[in-house]
Amino acid sequence: MDGRKARGEKKRRAIVEATLRVIERDGVSGVTHRSVAREAGVPTTAPTYYFASLDDLLIATLLWVAEELCDDMLDIIARGTAREIASSLARAVNENRARTLAEYELYLLAGRRPELKAAARRWLDLAVEVVRPADPVAFRVFLAAIDGLLIQGLIADVAPDEDELEPIVSFLICGRDDSTPRTSEQ
């Protein structure tokens, strides 16, 4: 790659990263070419040079987030202990709360903007493609449960810590322990 193209890719990446920071701080409604340029420290014309529309910018940001999320989640799942997964989830809803909120805001925006749907589904597609689980249904259930835990953690008055999340994650990984008391409805 020549130097000019490398600099262009670097600037494009800086704009995408800045977009996520704007969403963390102000929500998707705060994303404008001008606010992103200011955040990225680039000329105000740069975002429109690399991304013709805000949807193009949001799609690029969603795809970048999906790739990062997939890499992070797969790394954690590969290590596979319930404690490590619970610790990662606790960080997502505590010290990385703004980032997690921004990611979900982008994903939910895809529900209203069809042009964003493919980008929003990208992380799930990547995860299934990379893991190639023996039981794809169980894997998707696991990922859906993780999404649910994160959303619940984001709206909780006090976000859960890894001690609270570990038994839930353990259950998701291992299933019901035979020693678990059952009610008559079970």
N, C-alpha and C. Protein backbone atom coordinates (compact mmCIF):
# COMPACT_ATOMS: atom_id res chain seq x y z
N MET A 1 0.86 -1.18 0.00
CA MET A 1 0.00 0.00 0.00
C MET A 1 0.90 1.24 0.00
N ASP A 2 0.61 2.17 -0.89
CA ASP A 2 1.43 3.37 -0.94
C ASP A 2 1.10 4.28 0.25
N GLY A 3 1.99 5.23 0.49
CA GLY A 3 1.85 6.09 1.66
C GLY A 3 0.59 6.91 1.68
N ARG A 4 0.18 7.40 0.51
CA ARG A 4 -1.03 8.22 0.43
C ARG A 4 -2.26 7.41 0.80
N LYS A 5 -2.32 6.18 0.28
CA LYS A 5 -3.46 5.32 0.59
C LYS A 5 -3.46 4.93 2.07
N ALA A 6 -2.30 4.67 2.61
CA ALA A 6 -2.19 4.33 4.04
C ALA A 6 -2.65 5.50 4.91
N ARG A 7 -2.25 6.71 4.54
CA ARG A 7 -2.70 7.89 5.30
C ARG A 7 -4.21 8.05 5.20
N GLY A 8 -4.76 7.80 4.02
CA GLY A 8 -6.22 7.88 3.83
C GLY A 8 -6.94 6.87 4.70
N GLU A 9 -6.44 5.65 4.74
CA GLU A 9 -7.05 4.61 5.59
C GLU A 9 -6.96 4.98 7.07
N LYS A 10 -5.82 5.56 7.44
CA LYS A 10 -5.64 5.98 8.84
C LYS A 10 -6.64 7.08 9.21
N LYS A 11 -6.83 8.03 8.28
CA LYS A 11 -7.77 9.12 8.54
C LYS A 11 -9.21 8.59 8.58
N ARG A 12 -9.51 7.68 7.66
CA ARG A 12 -10.85 7.07 7.63
C ARG A 12 -11.13 6.35 8.96
N ARG A 13 -10.16 5.60 9.44
CA ARG A 13 -10.30 4.89 10.71
C ARG A 13 -10.47 5.87 11.87
N ALA A 14 -9.71 6.97 11.86
CA ALA A 14 -9.84 7.98 12.92
C ALA A 14 -11.25 8.58 12.93
N ILE A 15 -11.82 8.76 11.75
CA ILE A 15 -13.18 9.31 11.65
C ILE A 15 -14.19 8.33 12.21
N VAL A 16 -14.04 7.06 11.89
CA VAL A 16 -14.95 6.03 12.40
C VAL A 16 -14.85 5.94 13.92
N GLU A 17 -13.62 5.92 14.44
CA GLU A 17 -13.43 5.86 15.89
C GLU A 17 -14.02 7.09 16.57
N ALA A 18 -13.85 8.24 15.94
CA ALA A 18 -14.42 9.48 16.49
C ALA A 18 -15.94 9.42 16.50
N THR A 19 -16.51 8.81 15.48
CA THR A 19 -17.97 8.67 15.42
C THR A 19 -18.47 7.90 16.63
N LEU A 20 -17.78 6.83 16.97
CA LEU A 20 -18.20 6.05 18.14
C LEU A 20 -18.06 6.87 19.42
N ARG A 21 -17.02 7.66 19.52
CA ARG A 21 -16.86 8.52 20.72
C ARG A 21 -17.98 9.56 20.80
N VAL A 22 -18.38 10.10 19.66
CA VAL A 22 -19.50 11.06 19.66
C VAL A 22 -20.77 10.36 20.13
N ILE A 23 -21.00 9.15 19.65
CA ILE A 23 -22.19 8.39 20.07
C ILE A 23 -22.12 8.09 21.56
N GLU A 24 -20.93 7.74 22.06
CA GLU A 24 -20.77 7.49 23.50
C GLU A 24 -21.17 8.71 24.31
N ARG A 25 -20.76 9.87 23.85
CA ARG A 25 -21.00 11.11 24.59
C ARG A 25 -22.39 11.68 24.37
N ASP A 26 -22.86 11.70 23.08
CA ASP A 26 -24.07 12.44 22.74
C ASP A 26 -25.19 11.59 22.15
N GLY A 27 -24.93 10.30 21.94
CA GLY A 27 -25.92 9.46 21.28
C GLY A 27 -25.84 9.62 19.77
N VAL A 28 -26.57 8.76 19.07
CA VAL A 28 -26.56 8.81 17.60
C VAL A 28 -27.05 10.17 17.11
N SER A 29 -27.98 10.77 17.82
CA SER A 29 -28.51 12.07 17.38
C SER A 29 -27.44 13.16 17.38
N GLY A 30 -26.34 12.95 18.08
CA GLY A 30 -25.26 13.93 18.10
C GLY A 30 -24.28 13.79 16.95
N VAL A 31 -24.46 12.77 16.12
CA VAL A 31 -23.53 12.53 15.02
C VAL A 31 -23.87 13.44 13.84
N THR A 32 -22.95 14.32 13.55
CA THR A 32 -23.00 15.13 12.33
C THR A 32 -21.59 15.07 11.74
N HIS A 33 -21.47 15.41 10.46
CA HIS A 33 -20.13 15.44 9.89
C HIS A 33 -19.23 16.41 10.66
N ARG A 34 -19.81 17.52 11.07
CA ARG A 34 -19.04 18.54 11.80
C ARG A 34 -18.61 18.04 13.18
N SER A 35 -19.55 17.40 13.95
CA SER A 35 -19.18 16.92 15.29
C SER A 35 -18.12 15.82 15.23
N VAL A 36 -18.21 14.98 14.22
CA VAL A 36 -17.24 13.90 14.05
C VAL A 36 -15.88 14.48 13.66
N ALA A 37 -15.87 15.46 12.75
CA ALA A 37 -14.61 16.09 12.34
C ALA A 37 -13.92 16.73 13.54
N ARG A 38 -14.70 17.43 14.35
CA ARG A 38 -14.16 18.07 15.55
C ARG A 38 -13.55 17.01 16.48
N GLU A 39 -14.28 15.92 16.70
CA GLU A 39 -13.82 14.84 17.58
C GLU A 39 -12.56 14.16 17.03
N ALA A 40 -12.50 14.00 15.73
CA ALA A 40 -11.36 13.31 15.10
C ALA A 40 -10.16 14.24 14.91
N GLY A 41 -10.39 15.54 15.03
CA GLY A 41 -9.31 16.50 14.82
C GLY A 41 -8.91 16.60 13.36
N VAL A 42 -9.91 16.49 12.48
CA VAL A 42 -9.66 16.57 11.04
C VAL A 42 -10.45 17.76 10.47
N PRO A 43 -10.12 18.20 9.27
CA PRO A 43 -10.90 19.29 8.67
C PRO A 43 -12.38 18.89 8.55
N THR A 44 -13.25 19.87 8.61
CA THR A 44 -14.69 19.59 8.59
C THR A 44 -15.14 18.91 7.30
N THR A 45 -14.36 19.02 6.25
CA THR A 45 -14.72 18.38 4.98
C THR A 45 -14.29 16.90 4.93
N ALA A 46 -13.43 16.47 5.82
CA ALA A 46 -12.90 15.10 5.76
C ALA A 46 -13.98 14.03 5.90
N PRO A 47 -14.89 14.13 6.87
CA PRO A 47 -15.91 13.07 6.97
C PRO A 47 -16.75 12.95 5.70
N THR A 48 -17.09 14.06 5.06
CA THR A 48 -17.90 13.96 3.84
C THR A 48 -17.06 13.47 2.66
N TYR A 49 -15.75 13.64 2.72
CA TYR A 49 -14.88 13.13 1.67
C TYR A 49 -14.86 11.60 1.72
N TYR A 50 -14.77 11.05 2.93
CA TYR A 50 -14.68 9.59 3.10
C TYR A 50 -16.05 8.92 3.18
N PHE A 51 -17.06 9.66 3.63
CA PHE A 51 -18.40 9.10 3.82
C PHE A 51 -19.41 10.10 3.29
N ALA A 52 -20.03 9.77 2.17
CA ALA A 52 -20.92 10.70 1.48
C ALA A 52 -22.12 11.10 2.33
N SER A 53 -22.60 10.18 3.14
CA SER A 53 -23.78 10.47 3.96
C SER A 53 -23.53 10.02 5.39
N LEU A 54 -24.38 10.49 6.28
CA LEU A 54 -24.28 10.03 7.67
C LEU A 54 -24.56 8.53 7.77
N ASP A 55 -25.47 8.02 6.94
CA ASP A 55 -25.72 6.58 6.95
C ASP A 55 -24.46 5.81 6.58
N ASP A 56 -23.70 6.30 5.60
CA ASP A 56 -22.44 5.64 5.23
C ASP A 56 -21.47 5.65 6.41
N LEU A 57 -21.43 6.74 7.12
CA LEU A 57 -20.57 6.85 8.29
C LEU A 57 -21.03 5.91 9.41
N LEU A 58 -22.33 5.87 9.64
CA LEU A 58 -22.86 4.97 10.68
C LEU A 58 -22.65 3.50 10.30
N ILE A 59 -22.81 3.17 9.03
CA ILE A 59 -22.58 1.80 8.57
C ILE A 59 -21.12 1.41 8.81
N ALA A 60 -20.20 2.30 8.45
CA ALA A 60 -18.77 2.01 8.65
C ALA A 60 -18.47 1.84 10.14
N THR A 61 -19.10 2.66 10.97
CA THR A 61 -18.88 2.56 12.41
C THR A 61 -19.46 1.25 12.94
N LEU A 62 -20.65 0.91 12.49
CA LEU A 62 -21.26 -0.37 12.89
C LEU A 62 -20.39 -1.56 12.48
N LEU A 63 -19.88 -1.55 11.28
CA LEU A 63 -19.03 -2.65 10.81
C LEU A 63 -17.75 -2.74 11.63
N TRP A 64 -17.16 -1.61 11.94
CA TRP A 64 -15.95 -1.59 12.76
C TRP A 64 -16.25 -2.13 14.16
N VAL A 65 -17.35 -1.66 14.76
CA VAL A 65 -17.75 -2.13 16.08
C VAL A 65 -18.01 -3.64 16.04
N ALA A 66 -18.69 -4.11 15.00
CA ALA A 66 -19.00 -5.53 14.88
C ALA A 66 -17.73 -6.37 14.83
N GLU A 67 -16.75 -5.93 14.06
CA GLU A 67 -15.48 -6.67 13.95
C GLU A 67 -14.78 -6.69 15.30
N GLU A 68 -14.71 -5.56 15.97
CA GLU A 68 -14.06 -5.50 17.28
C GLU A 68 -14.81 -6.34 18.31
N LEU A 69 -16.13 -6.20 18.34
CA LEU A 69 -16.94 -6.96 19.28
C LEU A 69 -16.78 -8.45 19.06
N CYS A 70 -16.81 -8.85 17.82
CA CYS A 70 -16.66 -10.27 17.49
C CYS A 70 -15.29 -10.77 17.95
N ASP A 71 -14.23 -10.03 17.63
CA ASP A 71 -12.90 -10.45 18.05
C ASP A 71 -12.81 -10.57 19.57
N ASP A 72 -13.32 -9.56 20.28
CA ASP A 72 -13.27 -9.58 21.75
C ASP A 72 -14.08 -10.74 22.31
N MET A 73 -15.32 -10.88 21.85
CA MET A 73 -16.18 -11.94 22.37
C MET A 73 -15.61 -13.33 22.07
N LEU A 74 -15.11 -13.53 20.87
CA LEU A 74 -14.58 -14.85 20.51
C LEU A 74 -13.32 -15.17 21.30
N ASP A 75 -12.51 -14.17 21.57
CA ASP A 75 -11.32 -14.38 22.40
C ASP A 75 -11.72 -14.81 23.80
N ILE A 76 -12.73 -14.14 24.35
CA ILE A 76 -13.19 -14.47 25.70
C ILE A 76 -13.85 -15.84 25.71
N ILE A 77 -14.69 -16.12 24.73
CA ILE A 77 -15.37 -17.42 24.67
C ILE A 77 -14.36 -18.54 24.47
N ALA A 78 -13.31 -18.28 23.69
CA ALA A 78 -12.28 -19.31 23.44
C ALA A 78 -11.58 -19.70 24.74
N ARG A 79 -11.33 -18.72 25.61
CA ARG A 79 -10.73 -19.04 26.91
C ARG A 79 -11.74 -19.81 27.75
N GLY A 80 -13.01 -19.44 27.54
CA GLY A 80 -14.14 -20.24 27.96
C GLY A 80 -14.54 -20.37 29.40
N THR A 81 -13.87 -19.74 30.33
CA THR A 81 -14.35 -19.92 31.69
C THR A 81 -15.49 -18.96 31.95
N ALA A 82 -16.42 -19.41 32.75
CA ALA A 82 -17.56 -18.57 33.10
C ALA A 82 -17.08 -17.29 33.79
N ARG A 83 -16.03 -17.41 34.59
CA ARG A 83 -15.52 -16.25 35.32
C ARG A 83 -14.99 -15.18 34.36
N GLU A 84 -14.25 -15.59 33.34
CA GLU A 84 -13.71 -14.62 32.38
C GLU A 84 -14.81 -13.95 31.57
N ILE A 85 -15.80 -14.72 31.18
CA ILE A 85 -16.92 -14.15 30.44
C ILE A 85 -17.70 -13.19 31.33
N ALA A 86 -17.95 -13.60 32.57
CA ALA A 86 -18.67 -12.74 33.52
C ALA A 86 -17.89 -11.46 33.79
N SER A 87 -16.58 -11.56 33.90
CA SER A 87 -15.74 -10.39 34.13
C SER A 87 -15.82 -9.42 32.95
N SER A 88 -15.80 -9.95 31.75
CA SER A 88 -15.92 -9.12 30.55
C SER A 88 -17.28 -8.42 30.50
N LEU A 89 -18.34 -9.16 30.82
CA LEU A 89 -19.67 -8.56 30.83
C LEU A 89 -19.77 -7.46 31.89
N ALA A 90 -19.20 -7.72 33.06
CA ALA A 90 -19.23 -6.72 34.13
C ALA A 90 -18.50 -5.45 33.70
N ARG A 91 -17.35 -5.59 33.05
CA ARG A 91 -16.63 -4.41 32.54
C ARG A 91 -17.49 -3.66 31.52
N ALA A 92 -18.19 -4.40 30.67
CA ALA A 92 -19.01 -3.77 29.63
C ALA A 92 -20.12 -2.90 30.21
N VAL A 93 -20.68 -3.28 31.35
CA VAL A 93 -21.79 -2.51 31.91
C VAL A 93 -21.35 -1.60 33.05
N ASN A 94 -20.09 -1.63 33.38
CA ASN A 94 -19.56 -0.75 34.42
C ASN A 94 -18.58 0.24 33.81
N GLU A 95 -17.29 -0.08 33.80
CA GLU A 95 -16.31 0.91 33.32
C GLU A 95 -16.40 1.20 31.82
N ASN A 96 -16.93 0.28 31.02
CA ASN A 96 -17.09 0.52 29.58
C ASN A 96 -18.54 0.78 29.20
N ARG A 97 -19.30 1.26 30.15
CA ARG A 97 -20.74 1.46 29.98
C ARG A 97 -21.07 2.36 28.78
N ALA A 98 -20.38 3.48 28.64
CA ALA A 98 -20.67 4.41 27.55
C ALA A 98 -20.44 3.74 26.20
N ARG A 99 -19.39 2.97 26.09
CA ARG A 99 -19.09 2.27 24.83
C ARG A 99 -20.19 1.24 24.52
N THR A 100 -20.58 0.48 25.54
CA THR A 100 -21.61 -0.54 25.35
C THR A 100 -22.93 0.10 24.96
N LEU A 101 -23.29 1.20 25.62
CA LEU A 101 -24.51 1.93 25.25
C LEU A 101 -24.45 2.40 23.80
N ALA A 102 -23.31 2.93 23.40
CA ALA A 102 -23.15 3.42 22.02
C ALA A 102 -23.32 2.27 21.03
N GLU A 103 -22.72 1.12 21.33
CA GLU A 103 -22.84 -0.03 20.43
C GLU A 103 -24.30 -0.47 20.29
N TYR A 104 -25.01 -0.57 21.42
CA TYR A 104 -26.41 -0.98 21.34
C TYR A 104 -27.28 0.08 20.68
N GLU A 105 -26.95 1.34 20.89
CA GLU A 105 -27.71 2.39 20.21
C GLU A 105 -27.57 2.25 18.69
N LEU A 106 -26.36 1.95 18.24
CA LEU A 106 -26.15 1.73 16.81
C LEU A 106 -26.93 0.51 16.32
N TYR A 107 -26.89 -0.58 17.07
CA TYR A 107 -27.60 -1.79 16.67
C TYR A 107 -29.10 -1.54 16.61
N LEU A 108 -29.64 -0.84 17.59
CA LEU A 108 -31.08 -0.59 17.61
C LEU A 108 -31.50 0.38 16.52
N LEU A 109 -30.62 1.29 16.15
CA LEU A 109 -30.92 2.20 15.05
C LEU A 109 -31.20 1.41 13.77
N ALA A 110 -30.54 0.27 13.62
CA ALA A 110 -30.75 -0.56 12.43
C ALA A 110 -32.19 -1.07 12.34
N GLY A 111 -32.88 -1.15 13.45
CA GLY A 111 -34.28 -1.53 13.43
C GLY A 111 -35.16 -0.50 12.74
N ARG A 112 -34.71 0.73 12.75
CA ARG A 112 -35.47 1.82 12.12
C ARG A 112 -34.92 2.18 10.74
N ARG A 113 -33.68 1.83 10.47
CA ARG A 113 -33.03 2.21 9.22
C ARG A 113 -32.56 0.95 8.50
N PRO A 114 -33.35 0.46 7.56
CA PRO A 114 -33.03 -0.79 6.87
C PRO A 114 -31.63 -0.84 6.27
N GLU A 115 -31.12 0.31 5.84
CA GLU A 115 -29.79 0.32 5.24
C GLU A 115 -28.68 -0.05 6.24
N LEU A 116 -29.00 -0.03 7.53
CA LEU A 116 -28.01 -0.38 8.56
C LEU A 116 -28.12 -1.84 9.02
N LYS A 117 -29.18 -2.53 8.62
CA LYS A 117 -29.43 -3.88 9.14
C LYS A 117 -28.31 -4.87 8.87
N ALA A 118 -27.79 -4.90 7.67
CA ALA A 118 -26.72 -5.86 7.35
C ALA A 118 -25.49 -5.61 8.22
N ALA A 119 -25.17 -4.35 8.43
CA ALA A 119 -24.02 -4.02 9.27
C ALA A 119 -24.28 -4.43 10.72
N ALA A 120 -25.49 -4.25 11.20
CA ALA A 120 -25.83 -4.63 12.58
C ALA A 120 -25.78 -6.14 12.78
N ARG A 121 -26.13 -6.89 11.76
CA ARG A 121 -26.09 -8.36 11.87
C ARG A 121 -24.68 -8.92 11.69
N ARG A 122 -23.77 -8.09 11.27
CA ARG A 122 -22.43 -8.55 10.91
C ARG A 122 -21.73 -9.29 12.04
N TRP A 123 -21.85 -8.80 13.28
CA TRP A 123 -21.10 -9.44 14.36
C TRP A 123 -21.61 -10.85 14.62
N LEU A 124 -22.91 -11.05 14.53
CA LEU A 124 -23.47 -12.38 14.72
C LEU A 124 -23.02 -13.32 13.60
N ASP A 125 -23.07 -12.82 12.38
CA ASP A 125 -22.61 -13.62 11.24
C ASP A 125 -21.13 -13.99 11.39
N LEU A 126 -20.32 -13.01 11.82
CA LEU A 126 -18.89 -13.27 12.02
C LEU A 126 -18.68 -14.32 13.11
N ALA A 127 -19.40 -14.17 14.21
CA ALA A 127 -19.23 -15.11 15.32
C ALA A 127 -19.56 -16.53 14.90
N VAL A 128 -20.67 -16.73 14.23
CA VAL A 128 -21.06 -18.07 13.80
C VAL A 128 -20.06 -18.61 12.78
N GLU A 129 -19.60 -17.73 11.89
CA GLU A 129 -18.64 -18.14 10.86
C GLU A 129 -17.30 -18.56 11.47
N VAL A 130 -16.81 -17.80 12.44
CA VAL A 130 -15.51 -18.09 13.04
C VAL A 130 -15.57 -19.30 13.96
N VAL A 131 -16.60 -19.38 14.80
CA VAL A 131 -16.69 -20.46 15.77
C VAL A 131 -17.11 -21.77 15.12
N ARG A 132 -17.96 -21.67 14.11
CA ARG A 132 -18.52 -22.88 13.47
C ARG A 132 -18.97 -23.88 14.55
N PRO A 133 -19.92 -23.44 15.36
CA PRO A 133 -20.31 -24.28 16.49
C PRO A 133 -20.96 -25.59 16.04
N ALA A 134 -20.75 -26.62 16.87
CA ALA A 134 -21.37 -27.92 16.59
C ALA A 134 -22.89 -27.77 16.64
N ASP A 135 -23.35 -26.93 17.55
CA ASP A 135 -24.79 -26.68 17.68
C ASP A 135 -25.04 -25.19 17.48
N PRO A 136 -25.29 -24.75 16.24
CA PRO A 136 -25.48 -23.32 15.97
C PRO A 136 -26.65 -22.71 16.73
N VAL A 137 -27.68 -23.50 16.97
CA VAL A 137 -28.83 -22.98 17.71
C VAL A 137 -28.43 -22.66 19.15
N ALA A 138 -27.73 -23.57 19.80
CA ALA A 138 -27.29 -23.34 21.18
C ALA A 138 -26.35 -22.14 21.25
N PHE A 139 -25.48 -22.00 20.26
CA PHE A 139 -24.55 -20.88 20.24
C PHE A 139 -25.30 -19.56 20.09
N ARG A 140 -26.29 -19.53 19.21
CA ARG A 140 -27.09 -18.30 19.03
C ARG A 140 -27.89 -17.99 20.29
N VAL A 141 -28.38 -19.02 20.97
CA VAL A 141 -29.08 -18.80 22.24
C VAL A 141 -28.13 -18.18 23.26
N PHE A 142 -26.90 -18.71 23.30
CA PHE A 142 -25.89 -18.17 24.21
C PHE A 142 -25.64 -16.70 23.91
N LEU A 143 -25.43 -16.36 22.63
CA LEU A 143 -25.17 -14.97 22.25
C LEU A 143 -26.37 -14.07 22.56
N ALA A 144 -27.58 -14.58 22.33
CA ALA A 144 -28.79 -13.80 22.64
C ALA A 144 -28.89 -13.55 24.15
N ALA A 145 -28.53 -14.55 24.93
CA ALA A 145 -28.56 -14.38 26.39
C ALA A 145 -27.53 -13.35 26.83
N ILE A 146 -26.36 -13.36 26.21
CA ILE A 146 -25.33 -12.37 26.53
C ILE A 146 -25.85 -10.96 26.21
N ASP A 147 -26.49 -10.81 25.04
CA ASP A 147 -27.11 -9.52 24.71
C ASP A 147 -28.10 -9.11 25.79
N GLY A 148 -28.94 -10.04 26.21
CA GLY A 148 -29.92 -9.74 27.24
C GLY A 148 -29.28 -9.33 28.55
N LEU A 149 -28.23 -10.03 28.96
CA LEU A 149 -27.53 -9.67 30.20
C LEU A 149 -26.92 -8.27 30.11
N LEU A 150 -26.37 -7.95 28.95
CA LEU A 150 -25.78 -6.62 28.79
C LEU A 150 -26.86 -5.54 28.85
N ILE A 151 -27.95 -5.75 28.16
CA ILE A 151 -29.03 -4.75 28.18
C ILE A 151 -29.59 -4.60 29.59
N GLN A 152 -29.81 -5.71 30.28
CA GLN A 152 -30.29 -5.64 31.67
C GLN A 152 -29.30 -4.90 32.55
N GLY A 153 -28.00 -5.15 32.34
CA GLY A 153 -26.98 -4.46 33.12
C GLY A 153 -26.95 -2.98 32.85
N LEU A 154 -27.20 -2.59 31.61
CA LEU A 154 -27.19 -1.17 31.26
C LEU A 154 -28.36 -0.40 31.87
N ILE A 155 -29.48 -1.08 32.06
CA ILE A 155 -30.65 -0.37 32.61
C ILE A 155 -30.82 -0.57 34.12
N ALA A 156 -29.97 -1.37 34.73
CA ALA A 156 -30.06 -1.62 36.16
C ALA A 156 -29.65 -0.37 36.94
N ASP A 157 -30.26 -0.19 38.12
CA ASP A 157 -29.85 0.92 38.98
C ASP A 157 -28.39 0.76 39.40
N VAL A 158 -28.02 -0.48 39.69
CA VAL A 158 -26.64 -0.82 40.00
C VAL A 158 -26.26 -1.97 39.07
N ALA A 159 -25.30 -1.72 38.21
CA ALA A 159 -24.89 -2.74 37.24
C ALA A 159 -24.29 -3.94 37.97
N PRO A 160 -24.54 -5.14 37.47
CA PRO A 160 -24.02 -6.33 38.13
C PRO A 160 -22.50 -6.43 38.01
N ASP A 161 -21.90 -7.09 39.00
CA ASP A 161 -20.47 -7.34 38.94
C ASP A 161 -20.24 -8.78 38.51
N GLU A 162 -18.99 -9.17 38.38
CA GLU A 162 -18.70 -10.50 37.87
C GLU A 162 -19.19 -11.60 38.82
N ASP A 163 -19.24 -11.33 40.12
CA ASP A 163 -19.75 -12.34 41.07
C ASP A 163 -21.23 -12.62 40.82
N GLU A 164 -21.98 -11.59 40.47
CA GLU A 164 -23.40 -11.77 40.17
C GLU A 164 -23.61 -12.45 38.81
N LEU A 165 -22.75 -12.15 37.86
CA LEU A 165 -22.91 -12.67 36.50
C LEU A 165 -22.36 -14.08 36.32
N GLU A 166 -21.38 -14.46 37.12
CA GLU A 166 -20.73 -15.76 36.92
C GLU A 166 -21.69 -16.95 36.99
N PRO A 167 -22.59 -17.04 37.98
CA PRO A 167 -23.50 -18.20 37.99
C PRO A 167 -24.44 -18.23 36.78
N ILE A 168 -24.82 -17.07 36.28
CA ILE A 168 -25.70 -17.01 35.12
C ILE A 168 -24.94 -17.50 33.88
N VAL A 169 -23.73 -17.00 33.71
CA VAL A 169 -22.91 -17.43 32.57
C VAL A 169 -22.60 -18.92 32.68
N SER A 170 -22.31 -19.37 33.87
CA SER A 170 -22.03 -20.80 34.08
C SER A 170 -23.23 -21.64 33.66
N PHE A 171 -24.42 -21.18 34.01
CA PHE A 171 -25.64 -21.88 33.61
C PHE A 171 -25.77 -21.90 32.09
N LEU A 172 -25.47 -20.77 31.46
CA LEU A 172 -25.55 -20.71 30.00
C LEU A 172 -24.57 -21.68 29.33
N ILE A 173 -23.42 -21.83 29.92
CA ILE A 173 -22.40 -22.71 29.36
C ILE A 173 -22.70 -24.18 29.65
N CYS A 174 -23.05 -24.46 30.90
CA CYS A 174 -23.17 -25.86 31.35
C CYS A 174 -24.59 -26.37 31.43
N GLY A 175 -25.57 -25.49 31.43
CA GLY A 175 -26.95 -25.93 31.62
C GLY A 175 -27.27 -26.10 33.09
N ARG A 176 -28.46 -26.58 33.35
CA ARG A 176 -28.93 -26.74 34.72
C ARG A 176 -28.15 -27.84 35.42
N ASP A 177 -27.68 -27.51 36.58
CA ASP A 177 -27.00 -28.49 37.44
C ASP A 177 -28.08 -29.36 38.08
N ASP A 178 -27.88 -30.66 38.10
CA ASP A 178 -28.88 -31.57 38.66
C ASP A 178 -29.17 -31.29 40.13
N SER A 179 -28.26 -30.64 40.84
CA SER A 179 -28.50 -30.35 42.24
C SER A 179 -29.33 -29.11 42.46
N THR A 180 -29.67 -28.41 41.37
CA THR A 180 -30.48 -27.20 41.49
C THR A 180 -31.90 -27.57 41.87
N PRO A 181 -32.43 -26.95 42.96
CA PRO A 181 -33.81 -27.26 43.35
C PRO A 181 -34.78 -26.90 42.22
N ARG A 182 -35.77 -27.72 42.03
CA ARG A 182 -36.78 -27.47 41.00
C ARG A 182 -38.12 -27.23 41.66
N THR A 183 -38.91 -26.37 41.04
CA THR A 183 -40.25 -26.13 41.54
C THR A 183 -41.20 -27.11 40.87
N SER A 184 -42.41 -27.19 41.35
CA SER A 184 -43.37 -28.13 40.77
C SER A 184 -43.72 -27.77 39.32
N GLU A 185 -43.53 -26.48 38.91
CA GLU A 185 -43.83 -26.09 37.54
C GLU A 185 -42.76 -26.55 36.56
N GLN A 186 -41.59 -26.95 37.04
CA GLN A 186 -40.49 -27.29 36.13
C GLN A 186 -40.65 -28.64 35.59
